[in-house]
PDB file of N, CA and C in Angstrom:
ATOM      1  N   UNK A   1      96.436 -44.972 -55.817  1.00  0.00           N
ATOM      2  CA  UNK A   1      96.346 -46.249 -55.115  1.00  0.00           C
ATOM      3  C   UNK A   1      95.598 -47.238 -55.992  1.00  0.00           C
ATOM      4  N   UNK A   2      96.187 -48.380 -56.178  1.00  0.00           N
ATOM      5  CA  UNK A   2      95.501 -49.427 -56.904  1.00  0.00           C
ATOM      6  C   UNK A   2      94.569 -50.142 -55.942  1.00  0.00           C
ATOM      7  N   UNK A   3      93.321 -50.245 -56.308  1.00  0.00           N
ATOM      8  CA  UNK A   3      92.360 -50.896 -55.416  1.00  0.00           C
ATOM      9  C   UNK A   3      92.450 -52.407 -55.513  1.00  0.00           C
ATOM     10  N   UNK A   4      93.004 -52.883 -56.615  1.00  0.00           N
ATOM     11  CA  UNK A   4      93.083 -54.330 -56.808  1.00  0.00           C
ATOM     12  C   UNK A   4      94.483 -54.829 -56.486  1.00  0.00           C
ATOM     13  N   UNK A   5      94.904 -54.564 -55.264  1.00  0.00           N
ATOM     14  CA  UNK A   5      96.189 -55.069 -54.784  1.00  0.00           C
ATOM     15  C   UNK A   5      96.024 -55.331 -53.292  1.00  0.00           C
ATOM     16  N   UNK A   6      96.888 -56.124 -52.742  1.00  0.00           N
ATOM     17  CA  UNK A   6      96.799 -56.440 -51.315  1.00  0.00           C
ATOM     18  C   UNK A   6      96.937 -55.167 -50.489  1.00  0.00           C
ATOM     19  N   UNK A   7      97.862 -54.308 -50.862  1.00  0.00           N
ATOM     20  CA  UNK A   7      98.058 -53.047 -50.141  1.00  0.00           C
ATOM     21  C   UNK A   7      96.805 -52.172 -50.214  1.00  0.00           C
ATOM     22  N   UNK A   8      96.198 -52.084 -51.387  1.00  0.00           N
ATOM     23  CA  UNK A   8      94.979 -51.293 -51.543  1.00  0.00           C
ATOM     24  C   UNK A   8      93.823 -51.860 -50.737  1.00  0.00           C
ATOM     25  N   UNK A   9      93.714 -53.173 -50.721  1.00  0.00           N
ATOM     26  CA  UNK A   9      92.648 -53.826 -49.963  1.00  0.00           C
ATOM     27  C   UNK A   9      92.837 -53.583 -48.474  1.00  0.00           C
ATOM     28  N   UNK A  10      94.071 -53.709 -47.987  1.00  0.00           N
ATOM     29  CA  UNK A  10      94.348 -53.479 -46.563  1.00  0.00           C
ATOM     30  C   UNK A  10      94.024 -52.037 -46.190  1.00  0.00           C
ATOM     31  N   UNK A  11      94.387 -51.087 -47.041  1.00  0.00           N
ATOM     32  CA  UNK A  11      94.081 -49.677 -46.767  1.00  0.00           C
ATOM     33  C   UNK A  11      92.579 -49.434 -46.727  1.00  0.00           C
ATOM     34  N   UNK A  12      91.843 -50.046 -47.632  1.00  0.00           N
ATOM     35  CA  UNK A  12      90.387 -49.902 -47.625  1.00  0.00           C
ATOM     36  C   UNK A  12      89.769 -50.525 -46.376  1.00  0.00           C
ATOM     37  N   UNK A  13      90.279 -51.674 -45.971  1.00  0.00           N
ATOM     38  CA  UNK A  13      89.741 -52.352 -44.786  1.00  0.00           C
ATOM     39  C   UNK A  13      89.965 -51.527 -43.523  1.00  0.00           C
ATOM     40  N   UNK A  14      91.033 -50.740 -43.492  1.00  0.00           N
ATOM     41  CA  UNK A  14      91.287 -49.871 -42.338  1.00  0.00           C
ATOM     42  C   UNK A  14      90.271 -48.727 -42.261  1.00  0.00           C
ATOM     43  N   UNK A  15      89.686 -48.356 -43.390  1.00  0.00           N
ATOM     44  CA  UNK A  15      88.728 -47.255 -43.421  1.00  0.00           C
ATOM     45  C   UNK A  15      87.302 -47.704 -43.104  1.00  0.00           C
ATOM     46  N   UNK A  16      87.073 -48.996 -43.061  1.00  0.00           N
ATOM     47  CA  UNK A  16      85.735 -49.523 -42.817  1.00  0.00           C
ATOM     48  C   UNK A  16      85.361 -49.305 -41.360  1.00  0.00           C
ATOM     49  N   UNK A  17      84.141 -48.828 -41.135  1.00  0.00           N
ATOM     50  CA  UNK A  17      83.618 -48.688 -39.770  1.00  0.00           C
ATOM     51  C   UNK A  17      82.895 -49.978 -39.423  1.00  0.00           C
ATOM     52  N   UNK A  18      83.498 -50.786 -38.554  1.00  0.00           N
ATOM     53  CA  UNK A  18      82.889 -52.033 -38.141  1.00  0.00           C
ATOM     54  C   UNK A  18      81.971 -51.757 -36.966  1.00  0.00           C
ATOM     55  N   UNK A  19      80.731 -52.273 -36.998  1.00  0.00           N
ATOM     56  CA  UNK A  19      79.798 -51.994 -35.893  1.00  0.00           C
ATOM     57  C   UNK A  19      80.221 -52.710 -34.607  1.00  0.00           C
ATOM     58  N   UNK A  20      79.908 -52.044 -33.498  1.00  0.00           N
ATOM     59  CA  UNK A  20      80.153 -52.674 -32.208  1.00  0.00           C
ATOM     60  C   UNK A  20      79.059 -53.713 -31.971  1.00  0.00           C
ATOM     61  N   UNK A  21      79.229 -54.508 -30.932  1.00  0.00           N
ATOM     62  CA  UNK A  21      78.227 -55.532 -30.624  1.00  0.00           C
ATOM     63  C   UNK A  21      76.878 -54.894 -30.328  1.00  0.00           C
ATOM     64  N   UNK A  22      76.889 -53.763 -29.636  1.00  0.00           N
ATOM     65  CA  UNK A  22      75.639 -53.072 -29.327  1.00  0.00           C
ATOM     66  C   UNK A  22      74.941 -52.543 -30.572  1.00  0.00           C
ATOM     67  N   UNK A  23      75.715 -51.948 -31.478  1.00  0.00           N
ATOM     68  CA  UNK A  23      75.142 -51.447 -32.730  1.00  0.00           C
ATOM     69  C   UNK A  23      74.575 -52.583 -33.567  1.00  0.00           C
ATOM     70  N   UNK A  24      75.298 -53.690 -33.609  1.00  0.00           N
ATOM     71  CA  UNK A  24      74.853 -54.840 -34.386  1.00  0.00           C
ATOM     72  C   UNK A  24      73.567 -55.423 -33.815  1.00  0.00           C
ATOM     73  N   UNK A  25      73.486 -55.513 -32.494  1.00  0.00           N
ATOM     74  CA  UNK A  25      72.286 -56.024 -31.843  1.00  0.00           C
ATOM     75  C   UNK A  25      71.091 -55.109 -32.098  1.00  0.00           C
ATOM     76  N   UNK A  26      71.312 -53.799 -31.951  1.00  0.00           N
ATOM     77  CA  UNK A  26      70.231 -52.832 -32.173  1.00  0.00           C
ATOM     78  C   UNK A  26      69.729 -52.881 -33.619  1.00  0.00           C
ATOM     79  N   UNK A  27      70.648 -52.943 -34.565  1.00  0.00           N
ATOM     80  CA  UNK A  27      70.259 -53.008 -35.980  1.00  0.00           C
ATOM     81  C   UNK A  27      69.522 -54.300 -36.293  1.00  0.00           C
ATOM     82  N   UNK A  28      70.006 -55.405 -35.763  1.00  0.00           N
ATOM     83  CA  UNK A  28      69.359 -56.698 -36.003  1.00  0.00           C
ATOM     84  C   UNK A  28      67.960 -56.729 -35.415  1.00  0.00           C
ATOM     85  N   UNK A  29      67.807 -56.183 -34.211  1.00  0.00           N
ATOM     86  CA  UNK A  29      66.494 -56.126 -33.579  1.00  0.00           C
ATOM     87  C   UNK A  29      65.534 -55.250 -34.375  1.00  0.00           C
ATOM     88  N   UNK A  30      66.035 -54.125 -34.878  1.00  0.00           N
ATOM     89  CA  UNK A  30      65.203 -53.241 -35.696  1.00  0.00           C
ATOM     90  C   UNK A  30      64.720 -53.953 -36.952  1.00  0.00           C
ATOM     91  N   UNK A  31      65.613 -54.654 -37.636  1.00  0.00           N
ATOM     92  CA  UNK A  31      65.240 -55.389 -38.850  1.00  0.00           C
ATOM     93  C   UNK A  31      64.211 -56.463 -38.520  1.00  0.00           C
ATOM     94  N   UNK A  32      64.428 -57.199 -37.432  1.00  0.00           N
ATOM     95  CA  UNK A  32      63.496 -58.251 -37.041  1.00  0.00           C
ATOM     96  C   UNK A  32      62.115 -57.677 -36.723  1.00  0.00           C
ATOM     97  N   UNK A  33      62.065 -56.576 -35.961  1.00  0.00           N
ATOM     98  CA  UNK A  33      60.771 -55.987 -35.589  1.00  0.00           C
ATOM     99  C   UNK A  33      60.025 -55.439 -36.800  1.00  0.00           C
ATOM    100  N   UNK A  34      60.732 -54.759 -37.703  1.00  0.00           N
ATOM    101  CA  UNK A  34      60.071 -54.249 -38.902  1.00  0.00           C
ATOM    102  C   UNK A  34      59.585 -55.390 -39.791  1.00  0.00           C
ATOM    103  N   UNK A  35      60.361 -56.458 -39.890  1.00  0.00           N
ATOM    104  CA  UNK A  35      59.930 -57.614 -40.685  1.00  0.00           C
ATOM    105  C   UNK A  35      58.685 -58.250 -40.082  1.00  0.00           C
ATOM    106  N   UNK A  36      58.659 -58.367 -38.755  1.00  0.00           N
ATOM    107  CA  UNK A  36      57.485 -58.930 -38.091  1.00  0.00           C
ATOM    108  C   UNK A  36      56.273 -58.020 -38.262  1.00  0.00           C
ATOM    109  N   UNK A  37      56.481 -56.706 -38.181  1.00  0.00           N
ATOM    110  CA  UNK A  37      55.373 -55.763 -38.359  1.00  0.00           C
ATOM    111  C   UNK A  37      54.813 -55.838 -39.781  1.00  0.00           C
ATOM    112  N   UNK A  38      55.686 -55.890 -40.781  1.00  0.00           N
ATOM    113  CA  UNK A  38      55.213 -56.007 -42.163  1.00  0.00           C
ATOM    114  C   UNK A  38      54.495 -57.333 -42.388  1.00  0.00           C
ATOM    115  N   UNK A  39      55.006 -58.402 -41.809  1.00  0.00           N
ATOM    116  CA  UNK A  39      54.350 -59.701 -41.947  1.00  0.00           C
ATOM    117  C   UNK A  39      52.954 -59.653 -41.319  1.00  0.00           C
ATOM    118  N   UNK A  40      52.843 -59.075 -40.130  1.00  0.00           N
ATOM    119  CA  UNK A  40      51.542 -58.964 -39.466  1.00  0.00           C
ATOM    120  C   UNK A  40      50.583 -58.111 -40.294  1.00  0.00           C
ATOM    121  N   UNK A  41      51.086 -57.024 -40.876  1.00  0.00           N
ATOM    122  CA  UNK A  41      50.249 -56.159 -41.708  1.00  0.00           C
ATOM    123  C   UNK A  41      49.710 -56.923 -42.914  1.00  0.00           C
ATOM    124  N   UNK A  42      50.559 -57.662 -43.593  1.00  0.00           N
ATOM    125  CA  UNK A  42      50.110 -58.379 -44.785  1.00  0.00           C
ATOM    126  C   UNK A  42      49.196 -59.554 -44.441  1.00  0.00           C
ATOM    127  N   UNK A  43      49.432 -60.188 -43.313  1.00  0.00           N
ATOM    128  CA  UNK A  43      48.514 -61.240 -42.868  1.00  0.00           C
ATOM    129  C   UNK A  43      47.148 -60.641 -42.561  1.00  0.00           C
ATOM    130  N   UNK A  44      47.131 -59.488 -41.900  1.00  0.00           N
ATOM    131  CA  UNK A  44      45.868 -58.802 -41.612  1.00  0.00           C
ATOM    132  C   UNK A  44      45.153 -58.421 -42.907  1.00  0.00           C
ATOM    133  N   UNK A  45      45.896 -57.887 -43.871  1.00  0.00           N
ATOM    134  CA  UNK A  45      45.294 -57.540 -45.165  1.00  0.00           C
ATOM    135  C   UNK A  45      44.709 -58.773 -45.841  1.00  0.00           C
ATOM    136  N   UNK A  46      45.393 -59.894 -45.737  1.00  0.00           N
ATOM    137  CA  UNK A  46      44.910 -61.131 -46.337  1.00  0.00           C
ATOM    138  C   UNK A  46      43.595 -61.569 -45.688  1.00  0.00           C
ATOM    139  N   UNK A  47      43.526 -61.495 -44.356  1.00  0.00           N
ATOM    140  CA  UNK A  47      42.294 -61.884 -43.668  1.00  0.00           C
ATOM    141  C   UNK A  47      41.138 -60.932 -43.983  1.00  0.00           C
ATOM    142  N   UNK A  48      41.436 -59.635 -44.101  1.00  0.00           N
ATOM    143  CA  UNK A  48      40.389 -58.672 -44.450  1.00  0.00           C
ATOM    144  C   UNK A  48      39.884 -58.939 -45.861  1.00  0.00           C
ATOM    145  N   UNK A  49      40.784 -59.193 -46.782  1.00  0.00           N
ATOM    146  CA  UNK A  49      40.372 -59.492 -48.160  1.00  0.00           C
ATOM    147  C   UNK A  49      39.574 -60.785 -48.211  1.00  0.00           C
ATOM    148  N   UNK A  50      39.993 -61.793 -47.474  1.00  0.00           N
ATOM    149  CA  UNK A  50      39.272 -63.059 -47.417  1.00  0.00           C
ATOM    150  C   UNK A  50      37.860 -62.846 -46.869  1.00  0.00           C
ATOM    151  N   UNK A  51      37.754 -62.097 -45.774  1.00  0.00           N
ATOM    152  CA  UNK A  51      36.448 -61.806 -45.190  1.00  0.00           C
ATOM    153  C   UNK A  51      35.569 -61.051 -46.186  1.00  0.00           C
ATOM    154  N   UNK A  52      36.145 -60.043 -46.859  1.00  0.00           N
ATOM    155  CA  UNK A  52      35.382 -59.232 -47.805  1.00  0.00           C
ATOM    156  C   UNK A  52      34.842 -60.093 -48.946  1.00  0.00           C
ATOM    157  N   UNK A  53      35.699 -60.910 -49.533  1.00  0.00           N
ATOM    158  CA  UNK A  53      35.254 -61.702 -50.676  1.00  0.00           C
ATOM    159  C   UNK A  53      34.269 -62.791 -50.273  1.00  0.00           C
ATOM    160  N   UNK A  54      34.380 -63.326 -49.072  1.00  0.00           N
ATOM    161  CA  UNK A  54      33.378 -64.283 -48.597  1.00  0.00           C
ATOM    162  C   UNK A  54      32.049 -63.594 -48.318  1.00  0.00           C
ATOM    163  N   UNK A  55      32.111 -62.343 -47.820  1.00  0.00           N
ATOM    164  CA  UNK A  55      30.888 -61.589 -47.509  1.00  0.00           C
ATOM    165  C   UNK A  55      30.114 -61.248 -48.770  1.00  0.00           C
ATOM    166  N   UNK A  56      30.812 -60.829 -49.808  1.00  0.00           N
ATOM    167  CA  UNK A  56      30.124 -60.436 -51.046  1.00  0.00           C
ATOM    168  C   UNK A  56      29.834 -61.644 -51.920  1.00  0.00           C
ATOM    169  N   UNK A  57      30.279 -62.829 -51.518  1.00  0.00           N
ATOM    170  CA  UNK A  57      29.928 -64.044 -52.226  1.00  0.00           C
ATOM    171  C   UNK A  57      30.786 -64.373 -53.415  1.00  0.00           C
ATOM    172  N   UNK A  58      32.003 -63.969 -53.417  1.00  0.00           N
ATOM    173  CA  UNK A  58      32.899 -64.293 -54.538  1.00  0.00           C
ATOM    174  C   UNK A  58      33.690 -65.529 -54.248  1.00  0.00           C
TER     175      UNK A  58
END
């Protein structure tokens, strides 16, 4: 099968597993929550570092 032909592309597209609306929503929510958690973690680290350096007088 030639992958660089219309027939090959159509055959490949038939093999793709497209997510359902529920799967897409769940995945998007997971990405959003993990991104928010990482952002909160790094903001907390920034405030702790700021507090530490102000305390030691740097």
